[in-house]
Each structure stands twice: as structure tokens, then as C-alpha cells.
Amino acid sequence: MRDATCQLTVLMAVHNGMPFLRTAIESILKQTYRRFHFLIVDDASTDETRDIVRSYDDPRIELLCLERNVGQTAALNIGLRHASTPWIARMDADDYSAPTRFEEQMRLLDESGSLTCVGTFAWIFRDDPHMVEGTIERPLDSAAIRRGLLHGAPMIHGSLVIRRAALLEVGAYNERYRYSADRDLYNRLLTRYPAANVPQQLLGIRWHESQGSFSNVATDENIEIFSRMLVGSEYTPKEKTVLRRSLAYTYFARAKGWAAQRQYGELLQDLARAFRASPTRTLRGLAAYPIPDRMRVRLRQRFSRKPS
């Protein structure tokens, strides 16, 4: 039974989460901030995910089972609309929340009175959440977070606590994006509402081999998102200059992937797109990147003119 006075829903979407799910769930149940609803949306898992969730005798947990696999982005939207609390906390099924994560975030929300979104810093781990392999920091205040939008993701999606009404008002998650829905959301949410990051590593992000296999799709999505940001009215001309550099960088990153696969036609097309977005940024990238000998003549022919 739900606590009618609860202010926070922890939203987790999971598909076949069995290898890491218990660690993630138990990190939430051990939070020092105790008054929350824990909504777990099972996205038609075929492993023991549902049995694992049902093994916990905790009234805060609600399991919402989908009979058809819809993907994480759509599953999050289903959970968002099912929830009823003012605040939504995100949590991924393979990550780990430090015990004081929600306590620190809710304290900052209470103290500010105006923030709509609060994230945290994070650390990277492989198997043991207590073995830190690296740390991630993000800008602290709204002004710095807006500047961070011009380069990518100024907040860590799995660490967020967001006002539910604001999330719905901007259209929730765009189901067009499978891997970069967070960046698309930031463009709509963080240009309208104040946000902040708690300067503490309160989320552990698990690194595992399967994460690398989606990089091409994520890069494609990021290119589309940067391109849409450039045609919108939310950014000043000066900010759009920075956005063009970021778009060129992303095209260049994809071009390096084509080079590794010896797909030289696609490589040239992406370098041309990068050059159109930001000639200076592209030429700097080319100067720093080792280019196969067979490509040098073709590149000189295409990019010999000076940037305007």
C-alpha cells in the first residue's frame, strides 16, 4: 500500500536485469531517506527479474510488469505516468546508490525552494561498488549546467531527482531515442527550469562490456540532437557557435569509427559534415589524428580551403 504522504518515487526500468539487479535494489532499500515509493517497471524480462523483485518483502516496492518489450525509454514514460508523487528519482538496474544519496538531494531541494532537478557526481565501478575505478563530476549551478548543454550531458541521468510535473510539462522522454533520450530531455528541461548538482559522488555507475556495443547508435542520436538544438530558438548566436563545434566533434568521432572499419566513403562524408559545421574544429581534429596514407591526398583535396 502506498504512503499517501510520500513525496518521492524511485523509478527503475529493467529488462533482464538478473546479473546486477539485487545490488541496485538493495542500495535503494538502504537509503537513509526512507519515505519513498519504489516503482520497478519490468520491460517484459525473460530471466528471473520478476522473481527477484518479488523476493523483497518491502511495502515501498511496486512491480509493474509489461507483457511486451518496449525499450527503456518507453518503459520510463509508462512508469512516470503511473507514479503520483511530486518528485521522481531515477535509478538504473545495474548501478548503485550511496546510502545518503536521496537525503542529500532532498535536503538541497528543500533548502533551495526553487530547483526543479538535482543530480550528483558519480564514480565508476566494475563488479564491486566499493572499488572505485574513476569519478565523474558535473557543473554545479544552473548557469554552468546551461553552458554544459552546449557540449553534451551536464547532468548524470541515473542520479537525477526531478519534479514530476515539469518532466511531464516538457513532454517526458522522447521515445525516438533509445540511448540518448537523456540528452534530448536536458535540452527541453534544463533550458526552462533551474537545476543543480550535489558535489558528492553519490551514484556508482557500473561499467561492463556490453555498454560499448551501442556507441554507434548513441553517436547517431547525439548528432541528431545537436542538429535540432542548432535550429531551435533557445540558444543565442554565441551559444550556437559552441554547438556547431560540438556537432563537428561528434561527426569527427563517428568518422574515426568509420576509419577503424575501413569504411572510407562514410569517413569522408562525416568529415565533410564536420567541416561544414565547424572548419576550425575539424582541421584541429585532423591535425591530431593519425590518418591512413591512402586517405591523405583525398582529404587535402576536400579540405584545402581555409576556414572562413
Foldseek 3Di string as FASTA:
>chain_A
DADPPAAEEEEEEDAQLPVAQVQQVVLVCLAPPHRYAYEYEYQQHPDCVVVVQVVDPDVSYDYHYDNHHQADQVSRVVVLVVDDHQKYAYAYRRKHFHRHLVVVVVVVCVVVVFAFKEFEKAFEDARDLVDGPGIGDAAFWLVRQVLVLLQFHRHDRNGMMGGSVLCVVLPHFDSVARPRSRSLSCLSRSLVGIYGYDHDHGMYDHDDDVVVVCVVSVLVVVLVSLVVSLPDDSDDPVSSLSSLLNSLVSLQVVLVVCVVVVVVVSNVVSLVSSCVSPVVSSVVVVVPDDDPPVCVVVVCVVNVDDDD
